[in-house]
Amino acid sequence: MAKKRSASSVHARPLAKSARPTPDKQLDLTDIPEATDEQLRRARRVGRPVTGNAKQLIAIRIAPRLLAQLRRIAAKQSKPYQTLIHELLERAARKKVA
């Protein structure tokens, strides 16, 4: 069975880059029906809920071997590796303050 390619795959990227976006004014939306009031009432927000505890996105450089080790530890604990890193940093920061 042939592997399905998507625009996000490495092999399909050159094709996706060469594609030109269609301007909004050229899109034909006449076959899409208007949403009813009932449908709008039942609509749910998609995405992460707003909790007030949002974390800040940063970029850091970590040695590949260290990152692999952290990922293995996180997998053993059945948690995402970024959560593990956050917990480790939080614990280290608390020790420095005390």
PDB file of N, CA and C in Angstrom:
ATOM      1  N   MET A   1       0.842  -1.187   0.000  1.00  0.00           N
ATOM      2  CA  MET A   1       0.000   0.000   0.000  1.00  0.00           C
ATOM      3  C   MET A   1       0.884   1.246   0.000  1.00  0.00           C
ATOM      4  N   ALA A   2       0.590   2.180  -0.845  1.00  0.00           N
ATOM      5  CA  ALA A   2       1.380   3.409  -0.949  1.00  0.00           C
ATOM      6  C   ALA A   2       1.123   4.293   0.267  1.00  0.00           C
ATOM      7  N   LYS A   3       2.185   4.912   0.753  1.00  0.00           N
ATOM      8  CA  LYS A   3       2.067   5.811   1.895  1.00  0.00           C
ATOM      9  C   LYS A   3       1.445   7.129   1.453  1.00  0.00           C
ATOM     10  N   LYS A   4       0.437   7.568   2.204  1.00  0.00           N
ATOM     11  CA  LYS A   4      -0.242   8.817   1.890  1.00  0.00           C
ATOM     12  C   LYS A   4       0.679   9.989   2.186  1.00  0.00           C
ATOM     13  N   ARG A   5       0.777  10.920   1.283  1.00  0.00           N
ATOM     14  CA  ARG A   5       1.603  12.109   1.487  1.00  0.00           C
ATOM     15  C   ARG A   5       0.715  13.298   1.830  1.00  0.00           C
ATOM     16  N   SER A   6       1.199  14.089   2.723  1.00  0.00           N
ATOM     17  CA  SER A   6       0.475  15.308   3.079  1.00  0.00           C
ATOM     18  C   SER A   6       1.405  16.489   2.886  1.00  0.00           C
ATOM     19  N   ALA A   7       0.850  17.671   2.959  1.00  0.00           N
ATOM     20  CA  ALA A   7       1.650  18.882   2.766  1.00  0.00           C
ATOM     21  C   ALA A   7       2.701  19.034   3.849  1.00  0.00           C
ATOM     22  N   SER A   8       2.511  18.356   4.982  1.00  0.00           N
ATOM     23  CA  SER A   8       3.477  18.488   6.058  1.00  0.00           C
ATOM     24  C   SER A   8       4.629  17.490   5.939  1.00  0.00           C
ATOM     25  N   SER A   9       4.517  16.531   5.020  1.00  0.00           N
ATOM     26  CA  SER A   9       5.605  15.564   4.894  1.00  0.00           C
ATOM     27  C   SER A   9       6.802  16.203   4.204  1.00  0.00           C
ATOM     28  N   VAL A  10       7.959  15.695   4.515  1.00  0.00           N
ATOM     29  CA  VAL A  10       9.205  16.252   3.975  1.00  0.00           C
ATOM     30  C   VAL A  10       9.206  16.197   2.453  1.00  0.00           C
ATOM     31  N   HIS A  11       8.714  15.100   1.899  1.00  0.00           N
ATOM     32  CA  HIS A  11       8.736  14.927   0.448  1.00  0.00           C
ATOM     33  C   HIS A  11       7.742  15.836  -0.268  1.00  0.00           C
ATOM     34  N   ALA A  12       6.675  16.222   0.389  1.00  0.00           N
ATOM     35  CA  ALA A  12       5.644  17.026  -0.256  1.00  0.00           C
ATOM     36  C   ALA A  12       5.876  18.527  -0.094  1.00  0.00           C
ATOM     37  N   ARG A  13       6.788  18.907   0.766  1.00  0.00           N
ATOM     38  CA  ARG A  13       7.002  20.339   1.017  1.00  0.00           C
ATOM     39  C   ARG A  13       7.316  21.138  -0.238  1.00  0.00           C
ATOM     40  N   PRO A  14       8.190  20.653  -1.135  1.00  0.00           N
ATOM     41  CA  PRO A  14       8.448  21.450  -2.340  1.00  0.00           C
ATOM     42  C   PRO A  14       7.172  21.702  -3.149  1.00  0.00           C
ATOM     43  N   LEU A  15       6.256  20.745  -3.176  1.00  0.00           N
ATOM     44  CA  LEU A  15       4.997  20.944  -3.890  1.00  0.00           C
ATOM     45  C   LEU A  15       4.143  21.998  -3.194  1.00  0.00           C
ATOM     46  N   ALA A  16       4.086  21.918  -1.865  1.00  0.00           N
ATOM     47  CA  ALA A  16       3.265  22.859  -1.111  1.00  0.00           C
ATOM     48  C   ALA A  16       3.809  24.282  -1.237  1.00  0.00           C
ATOM     49  N   LYS A  17       5.129  24.438  -1.254  1.00  0.00           N
ATOM     50  CA  LYS A  17       5.714  25.775  -1.372  1.00  0.00           C
ATOM     51  C   LYS A  17       5.420  26.406  -2.728  1.00  0.00           C
ATOM     52  N   SER A  18       5.315  25.569  -3.756  1.00  0.00           N
ATOM     53  CA  SER A  18       5.086  26.121  -5.089  1.00  0.00           C
ATOM     54  C   SER A  18       3.614  26.460  -5.321  1.00  0.00           C
ATOM     55  N   ALA A  19       2.719  25.941  -4.466  1.00  0.00           N
ATOM     56  CA  ALA A  19       1.293  26.228  -4.618  1.00  0.00           C
ATOM     57  C   ALA A  19       1.013  27.668  -4.199  1.00  0.00           C
ATOM     58  N   ARG A  20       0.185  28.338  -4.944  1.00  0.00           N
ATOM     59  CA  ARG A  20      -0.176  29.726  -4.611  1.00  0.00           C
ATOM     60  C   ARG A  20      -1.529  29.731  -3.910  1.00  0.00           C
ATOM     61  N   PRO A  21      -1.664  30.501  -2.845  1.00  0.00           N
ATOM     62  CA  PRO A  21      -2.953  30.564  -2.152  1.00  0.00           C
ATOM     63  C   PRO A  21      -4.005  31.264  -3.016  1.00  0.00           C
ATOM     64  N   THR A  22      -5.234  30.808  -2.874  1.00  0.00           N
ATOM     65  CA  THR A  22      -6.345  31.423  -3.604  1.00  0.00           C
ATOM     66  C   THR A  22      -6.861  32.604  -2.797  1.00  0.00           C
ATOM     67  N   PRO A  23      -6.971  33.780  -3.389  1.00  0.00           N
ATOM     68  CA  PRO A  23      -7.522  34.933  -2.659  1.00  0.00           C
ATOM     69  C   PRO A  23      -8.963  34.666  -2.222  1.00  0.00           C
ATOM     70  N   ASP A  24      -9.345  35.203  -1.077  1.00  0.00           N
ATOM     71  CA  ASP A  24     -10.691  34.996  -0.547  1.00  0.00           C
ATOM     72  C   ASP A  24     -11.782  35.368  -1.538  1.00  0.00           C
ATOM     73  N   LYS A  25     -11.571  36.445  -2.278  1.00  0.00           N
ATOM     74  CA  LYS A  25     -12.617  36.905  -3.193  1.00  0.00           C
ATOM     75  C   LYS A  25     -12.858  35.924  -4.341  1.00  0.00           C
ATOM     76  N   GLN A  26     -11.928  35.002  -4.576  1.00  0.00           N
ATOM     77  CA  GLN A  26     -12.102  34.018  -5.646  1.00  0.00           C
ATOM     78  C   GLN A  26     -12.735  32.717  -5.156  1.00  0.00           C
ATOM     79  N   LEU A  27     -12.933  32.575  -3.855  1.00  0.00           N
ATOM     80  CA  LEU A  27     -13.540  31.361  -3.313  1.00  0.00           C
ATOM     81  C   LEU A  27     -15.043  31.383  -3.521  1.00  0.00           C
ATOM     82  N   ASP A  28     -15.603  30.241  -3.935  1.00  0.00           N
ATOM     83  CA  ASP A  28     -17.046  30.110  -4.119  1.00  0.00           C
ATOM     84  C   ASP A  28     -17.624  29.420  -2.894  1.00  0.00           C
ATOM     85  N   LEU A  29     -18.301  30.164  -2.054  1.00  0.00           N
ATOM     86  CA  LEU A  29     -18.859  29.634  -0.817  1.00  0.00           C
ATOM     87  C   LEU A  29     -20.372  29.474  -0.886  1.00  0.00           C
ATOM     88  N   THR A  30     -20.948  29.555  -2.076  1.00  0.00           N
ATOM     89  CA  THR A  30     -22.402  29.521  -2.228  1.00  0.00           C
ATOM     90  C   THR A  30     -23.006  28.174  -1.864  1.00  0.00           C
ATOM     91  N   ASP A  31     -22.241  27.086  -1.930  1.00  0.00           N
ATOM     92  CA  ASP A  31     -22.789  25.773  -1.616  1.00  0.00           C
ATOM     93  C   ASP A  31     -22.729  25.443  -0.129  1.00  0.00           C
ATOM     94  N   ILE A  32     -22.209  26.366   0.695  1.00  0.00           N
ATOM     95  CA  ILE A  32     -22.144  26.151   2.139  1.00  0.00           C
ATOM     96  C   ILE A  32     -23.335  26.852   2.780  1.00  0.00           C
ATOM     97  N   PRO A  33     -24.227  26.080   3.430  1.00  0.00           N
ATOM     98  CA  PRO A  33     -25.420  26.702   4.024  1.00  0.00           C
ATOM     99  C   PRO A  33     -25.078  27.541   5.254  1.00  0.00           C
ATOM    100  N   GLU A  34     -25.889  28.534   5.522  1.00  0.00           N
ATOM    101  CA  GLU A  34     -25.725  29.366   6.711  1.00  0.00           C
ATOM    102  C   GLU A  34     -26.013  28.523   7.950  1.00  0.00           C
ATOM    103  N   ALA A  35     -25.314  28.785   9.045  1.00  0.00           N
ATOM    104  CA  ALA A  35     -25.559  28.082  10.294  1.00  0.00           C
ATOM    105  C   ALA A  35     -26.860  28.585  10.900  1.00  0.00           C
ATOM    106  N   THR A  36     -27.660  27.658  11.430  1.00  0.00           N
ATOM    107  CA  THR A  36     -28.922  28.040  12.067  1.00  0.00           C
ATOM    108  C   THR A  36     -28.638  28.538  13.483  1.00  0.00           C
ATOM    109  N   ASP A  37     -29.624  29.205  14.075  1.00  0.00           N
ATOM    110  CA  ASP A  37     -29.473  29.681  15.449  1.00  0.00           C
ATOM    111  C   ASP A  37     -29.237  28.504  16.395  1.00  0.00           C
ATOM    112  N   GLU A  38     -29.911  27.383  16.154  1.00  0.00           N
ATOM    113  CA  GLU A  38     -29.745  26.193  16.998  1.00  0.00           C
ATOM    114  C   GLU A  38     -28.316  25.653  16.890  1.00  0.00           C
ATOM    115  N   GLN A  39     -27.775  25.604  15.689  1.00  0.00           N
ATOM    116  CA  GLN A  39     -26.403  25.134  15.508  1.00  0.00           C
ATOM    117  C   GLN A  39     -25.415  26.061  16.214  1.00  0.00           C
ATOM    118  N   LEU A  40     -25.634  27.349  16.129  1.00  0.00           N
ATOM    119  CA  LEU A  40     -24.753  28.305  16.799  1.00  0.00           C
ATOM    120  C   LEU A  40     -24.844  28.178  18.315  1.00  0.00           C
ATOM    121  N   ARG A  41     -26.060  27.884  18.835  1.00  0.00           N
ATOM    122  CA  ARG A  41     -26.241  27.703  20.274  1.00  0.00           C
ATOM    123  C   ARG A  41     -25.482  26.473  20.781  1.00  0.00           C
ATOM    124  N   ARG A  42     -25.458  25.410  19.966  1.00  0.00           N
ATOM    125  CA  ARG A  42     -24.806  24.161  20.360  1.00  0.00           C
ATOM    126  C   ARG A  42     -23.299  24.162  20.091  1.00  0.00           C
ATOM    127  N   ALA A  43     -22.800  25.178  19.428  1.00  0.00           N
ATOM    128  CA  ALA A  43     -21.384  25.215  19.053  1.00  0.00           C
ATOM    129  C   ALA A  43     -20.498  25.253  20.298  1.00  0.00           C
ATOM    130  N   ARG A  44     -19.383  24.582  20.223  1.00  0.00           N
ATOM    131  CA  ARG A  44     -18.428  24.537  21.320  1.00  0.00           C
ATOM    132  C   ARG A  44     -17.112  25.143  20.867  1.00  0.00           C
ATOM    133  N   ARG A  45     -16.416  25.776  21.794  1.00  0.00           N
ATOM    134  CA  ARG A  45     -15.104  26.338  21.499  1.00  0.00           C
ATOM    135  C   ARG A  45     -14.107  25.204  21.323  1.00  0.00           C
ATOM    136  N   VAL A  46     -13.239  25.325  20.350  1.00  0.00           N
ATOM    137  CA  VAL A  46     -12.228  24.310  20.093  1.00  0.00           C
ATOM    138  C   VAL A  46     -10.878  24.854  20.527  1.00  0.00           C
ATOM    139  N   GLY A  47     -10.059  24.007  21.103  1.00  0.00           N
ATOM    140  CA  GLY A  47      -8.734  24.428  21.531  1.00  0.00           C
ATOM    141  C   GLY A  47      -8.577  24.293  23.023  1.00  0.00           C
ATOM    142  N   ARG A  48      -7.467  24.786  23.507  1.00  0.00           N
ATOM    143  CA  ARG A  48      -7.195  24.691  24.936  1.00  0.00           C
ATOM    144  C   ARG A  48      -8.086  25.659  25.709  1.00  0.00           C
ATOM    145  N   PRO A  49      -8.610  25.205  26.849  1.00  0.00           N
ATOM    146  CA  PRO A  49      -9.425  26.113  27.657  1.00  0.00           C
ATOM    147  C   PRO A  49      -8.558  27.192  28.294  1.00  0.00           C
ATOM    148  N   VAL A  50      -9.122  28.351  28.491  1.00  0.00           N
ATOM    149  CA  VAL A  50      -8.405  29.445  29.134  1.00  0.00           C
ATOM    150  C   VAL A  50      -8.432  29.180  30.630  1.00  0.00           C
ATOM    151  N   THR A  51      -7.260  28.930  31.230  1.00  0.00           N
ATOM    152  CA  THR A  51      -7.197  28.590  32.644  1.00  0.00           C
ATOM    153  C   THR A  51      -6.589  29.690  33.485  1.00  0.00           C
ATOM    154  N   GLY A  52      -5.911  30.619  32.846  1.00  0.00           N
ATOM    155  CA  GLY A  52      -5.215  31.648  33.603  1.00  0.00           C
ATOM    156  C   GLY A  52      -3.824  31.187  34.020  1.00  0.00           C
ATOM    157  N   ASN A  53      -3.483  29.923  33.714  1.00  0.00           N
ATOM    158  CA  ASN A  53      -2.171  29.370  34.067  1.00  0.00           C
ATOM    159  C   ASN A  53      -1.326  29.135  32.818  1.00  0.00           C
ATOM    160  N   ALA A  54      -1.487  29.959  31.827  1.00  0.00           N
ATOM    161  CA  ALA A  54      -0.778  29.757  30.569  1.00  0.00           C
ATOM    162  C   ALA A  54       0.727  29.840  30.788  1.00  0.00           C
ATOM    163  N   LYS A  55       1.421  28.928  30.137  1.00  0.00           N
ATOM    164  CA  LYS A  55       2.876  28.935  30.211  1.00  0.00           C
ATOM    165  C   LYS A  55       3.423  29.721  29.026  1.00  0.00           C
ATOM    166  N   GLN A  56       4.611  30.248  29.187  1.00  0.00           N
ATOM    167  CA  GLN A  56       5.232  31.033  28.125  1.00  0.00           C
ATOM    168  C   GLN A  56       6.051  30.112  27.231  1.00  0.00           C
ATOM    169  N   LEU A  57       5.875  30.268  25.939  1.00  0.00           N
ATOM    170  CA  LEU A  57       6.629  29.488  24.973  1.00  0.00           C
ATOM    171  C   LEU A  57       8.030  30.071  24.836  1.00  0.00           C
ATOM    172  N   ILE A  58       9.041  29.208  25.010  1.00  0.00           N
ATOM    173  CA  ILE A  58      10.437  29.643  24.864  1.00  0.00           C
ATOM    174  C   ILE A  58      11.174  28.644  23.985  1.00  0.00           C
ATOM    175  N   ALA A  59      12.354  28.997  23.577  1.00  0.00           N
ATOM    176  CA  ALA A  59      13.214  28.073  22.838  1.00  0.00           C
ATOM    177  C   ALA A  59      14.535  27.971  23.588  1.00  0.00           C
ATOM    178  N   ILE A  60      14.948  26.743  23.869  1.00  0.00           N
ATOM    179  CA  ILE A  60      16.232  26.522  24.519  1.00  0.00           C
ATOM    180  C   ILE A  60      16.985  25.438  23.759  1.00  0.00           C
ATOM    181  N   ARG A  61      18.287  25.429  23.920  1.00  0.00           N
ATOM    182  CA  ARG A  61      19.113  24.402  23.272  1.00  0.00           C
ATOM    183  C   ARG A  61      19.532  23.392  24.335  1.00  0.00           C
ATOM    184  N   ILE A  62      19.239  22.115  24.049  1.00  0.00           N
ATOM    185  CA  ILE A  62      19.582  21.024  24.948  1.00  0.00           C
ATOM    186  C   ILE A  62      20.356  19.991  24.141  1.00  0.00           C
ATOM    187  N   ALA A  63      21.397  19.458  24.725  1.00  0.00           N
ATOM    188  CA  ALA A  63      22.188  18.428  24.054  1.00  0.00           C
ATOM    189  C   ALA A  63      21.278  17.253  23.678  1.00  0.00           C
ATOM    190  N   PRO A  64      21.440  16.718  22.486  1.00  0.00           N
ATOM    191  CA  PRO A  64      20.575  15.616  22.033  1.00  0.00           C
ATOM    192  C   PRO A  64      20.555  14.424  22.991  1.00  0.00           C
ATOM    193  N   ARG A  65      21.715  14.076  23.565  1.00  0.00           N
ATOM    194  CA  ARG A  65      21.743  12.934  24.489  1.00  0.00           C
ATOM    195  C   ARG A  65      20.940  13.224  25.752  1.00  0.00           C
ATOM    196  N   LEU A  66      21.020  14.452  26.260  1.00  0.00           N
ATOM    197  CA  LEU A  66      20.256  14.829  27.452  1.00  0.00           C
ATOM    198  C   LEU A  66      18.761  14.806  27.142  1.00  0.00           C
ATOM    199  N   LEU A  67      18.392  15.345  26.006  1.00  0.00           N
ATOM    200  CA  LEU A  67      16.980  15.352  25.627  1.00  0.00           C
ATOM    201  C   LEU A  67      16.452  13.929  25.479  1.00  0.00           C
ATOM    202  N   ALA A  68      17.224  13.049  24.877  1.00  0.00           N
ATOM    203  CA  ALA A  68      16.810  11.655  24.726  1.00  0.00           C
ATOM    204  C   ALA A  68      16.620  11.011  26.098  1.00  0.00           C
ATOM    205  N   GLN A  69      17.534  11.311  27.018  1.00  0.00           N
ATOM    206  CA  GLN A  69      17.425  10.767  28.372  1.00  0.00           C
ATOM    207  C   GLN A  69      16.174  11.283  29.075  1.00  0.00           C
ATOM    208  N   LEU A  70      15.902  12.578  28.944  1.00  0.00           N
ATOM    209  CA  LEU A  70      14.703  13.156  29.558  1.00  0.00           C
ATOM    210  C   LEU A  70      13.435  12.548  28.965  1.00  0.00           C
ATOM    211  N   ARG A  71      13.438  12.318  27.657  1.00  0.00           N
ATOM    212  CA  ARG A  71      12.276  11.693  27.021  1.00  0.00           C
ATOM    213  C   ARG A  71      12.061  10.267  27.526  1.00  0.00           C
ATOM    214  N   ARG A  72      13.150   9.512  27.723  1.00  0.00           N
ATOM    215  CA  ARG A  72      13.024   8.146  28.247  1.00  0.00           C
ATOM    216  C   ARG A  72      12.455   8.170  29.669  1.00  0.00           C
ATOM    217  N   ILE A  73      12.968   9.066  30.505  1.00  0.00           N
ATOM    218  CA  ILE A  73      12.477   9.185  31.887  1.00  0.00           C
ATOM    219  C   ILE A  73      10.992   9.543  31.880  1.00  0.00           C
ATOM    220  N   ALA A  74      10.619  10.507  31.040  1.00  0.00           N
ATOM    221  CA  ALA A  74       9.215  10.925  30.963  1.00  0.00           C
ATOM    222  C   ALA A  74       8.330   9.766  30.498  1.00  0.00           C
ATOM    223  N   ALA A  75       8.795   9.000  29.524  1.00  0.00           N
ATOM    224  CA  ALA A  75       8.013   7.863  29.020  1.00  0.00           C
ATOM    225  C   ALA A  75       7.789   6.832  30.126  1.00  0.00           C
ATOM    226  N   LYS A  76       8.821   6.587  30.938  1.00  0.00           N
ATOM    227  CA  LYS A  76       8.682   5.642  32.054  1.00  0.00           C
ATOM    228  C   LYS A  76       7.654   6.128  33.065  1.00  0.00           C
ATOM    229  N   GLN A  77       7.541   7.448  33.193  1.00  0.00           N
ATOM    230  CA  GLN A  77       6.574   8.034  34.133  1.00  0.00           C
ATOM    231  C   GLN A  77       5.228   8.302  33.470  1.00  0.00           C
ATOM    232  N   SER A  78       5.097   7.940  32.192  1.00  0.00           N
ATOM    233  CA  SER A  78       3.851   8.144  31.418  1.00  0.00           C
ATOM    234  C   SER A  78       3.402   9.601  31.421  1.00  0.00           C
ATOM    235  N   LYS A  79       4.350  10.486  31.138  1.00  0.00           N
ATOM    236  CA  LYS A  79       4.003  11.903  31.053  1.00  0.00           C
ATOM    237  C   LYS A  79       4.767  12.523  29.890  1.00  0.00           C
ATOM    238  N   PRO A  80       4.287  13.642  29.355  1.00  0.00           N
ATOM    239  CA  PRO A  80       5.012  14.327  28.277  1.00  0.00           C
ATOM    240  C   PRO A  80       6.368  14.830  28.779  1.00  0.00           C
ATOM    241  N   TYR A  81       7.374  14.774  27.919  1.00  0.00           N
ATOM    242  CA  TYR A  81       8.718  15.168  28.344  1.00  0.00           C
ATOM    243  C   TYR A  81       8.795  16.646  28.721  1.00  0.00           C
ATOM    244  N   GLN A  82       7.993  17.493  28.085  1.00  0.00           N
ATOM    245  CA  GLN A  82       8.028  18.913  28.435  1.00  0.00           C
ATOM    246  C   GLN A  82       7.481  19.137  29.841  1.00  0.00           C
ATOM    247  N   THR A  83       6.507  18.348  30.227  1.00  0.00           N
ATOM    248  CA  THR A  83       5.976  18.424  31.591  1.00  0.00           C
ATOM    249  C   THR A  83       7.048  18.014  32.586  1.00  0.00           C
ATOM    250  N   LEU A  84       7.771  16.947  32.270  1.00  0.00           N
ATOM    251  CA  LEU A  84       8.866  16.504  33.146  1.00  0.00           C
ATOM    252  C   LEU A  84       9.920  17.595  33.292  1.00  0.00           C
ATOM    253  N   ILE A  85      10.326  18.198  32.187  1.00  0.00           N
ATOM    254  CA  ILE A  85      11.328  19.264  32.234  1.00  0.00           C
ATOM    255  C   ILE A  85      10.831  20.420  33.099  1.00  0.00           C
ATOM    256  N   HIS A  86       9.563  20.784  32.944  1.00  0.00           N
ATOM    257  CA  HIS A  86       8.969  21.863  33.742  1.00  0.00           C
ATOM    258  C   HIS A  86       9.039  21.519  35.224  1.00  0.00           C
ATOM    259  N   GLU A  87       8.683  20.281  35.573  1.00  0.00           N
ATOM    260  CA  GLU A  87       8.717  19.864  36.975  1.00  0.00           C
ATOM    261  C   GLU A  87      10.141  19.889  37.539  1.00  0.00           C
ATOM    262  N   LEU A  88      11.093  19.420  36.751  1.00  0.00           N
ATOM    263  CA  LEU A  88      12.488  19.422  37.203  1.00  0.00           C
ATOM    264  C   LEU A  88      13.000  20.845  37.427  1.00  0.00           C
ATOM    265  N   LEU A  89      12.689  21.746  36.506  1.00  0.00           N
ATOM    266  CA  LEU A  89      13.114  23.143  36.651  1.00  0.00           C
ATOM    267  C   LEU A  89      12.451  23.797  37.856  1.00  0.00           C
ATOM    268  N   GLU A  90      11.175  23.483  38.053  1.00  0.00           N
ATOM    269  CA  GLU A  90      10.435  24.056  39.186  1.00  0.00           C
ATOM    270  C   GLU A  90      11.055  23.603  40.506  1.00  0.00           C
ATOM    271  N   ARG A  91      11.378  22.297  40.601  1.00  0.00           N
ATOM    272  CA  ARG A  91      12.004  21.765  41.816  1.00  0.00           C
ATOM    273  C   ARG A  91      13.377  22.401  42.052  1.00  0.00           C
ATOM    274  N   ALA A  92      14.167  22.533  41.005  1.00  0.00           N
ATOM    275  CA  ALA A  92      15.498  23.131  41.141  1.00  0.00           C
ATOM    276  C   ALA A  92      15.392  24.592  41.567  1.00  0.00           C
ATOM    277  N   ALA A  93      14.431  25.313  41.025  1.00  0.00           N
ATOM    278  CA  ALA A  93      14.255  26.719  41.383  1.00  0.00           C
ATOM    279  C   ALA A  93      13.829  26.863  42.848  1.00  0.00           C
ATOM    280  N   ARG A  94      12.968  25.956  43.322  1.00  0.00           N
ATOM    281  CA  ARG A  94      12.528  25.992  44.713  1.00  0.00           C
ATOM    282  C   ARG A  94      13.696  25.726  45.660  1.00  0.00           C
ATOM    283  N   LYS A  95      14.596  24.815  45.287  1.00  0.00           N
ATOM    284  CA  LYS A  95      15.756  24.497  46.130  1.00  0.00           C
ATOM    285  C   LYS A  95      16.677  25.710  46.237  1.00  0.00           C
ATOM    286  N   LYS A  96      16.847  26.447  45.146  1.00  0.00           N
ATOM    287  CA  LYS A  96      17.729  27.611  45.148  1.00  0.00           C
ATOM    288  C   LYS A  96      17.189  28.738  46.030  1.00  0.00           C
ATOM    289  N   VAL A  97      15.856  28.845  46.109  1.00  0.00           N
ATOM    290  CA  VAL A  97      15.227  29.910  46.898  1.00  0.00           C
ATOM    291  C   VAL A  97      15.318  29.566  48.382  1.00  0.00           C
ATOM    292  N   ALA A  98      15.165  28.310  48.722  1.00  0.00           N
ATOM    293  CA  ALA A  98      15.147  27.880  50.143  1.00  0.00           C
ATOM    294  C   ALA A  98      16.499  27.941  50.804  1.00  0.00           C
TER     295      ALA A  98
END
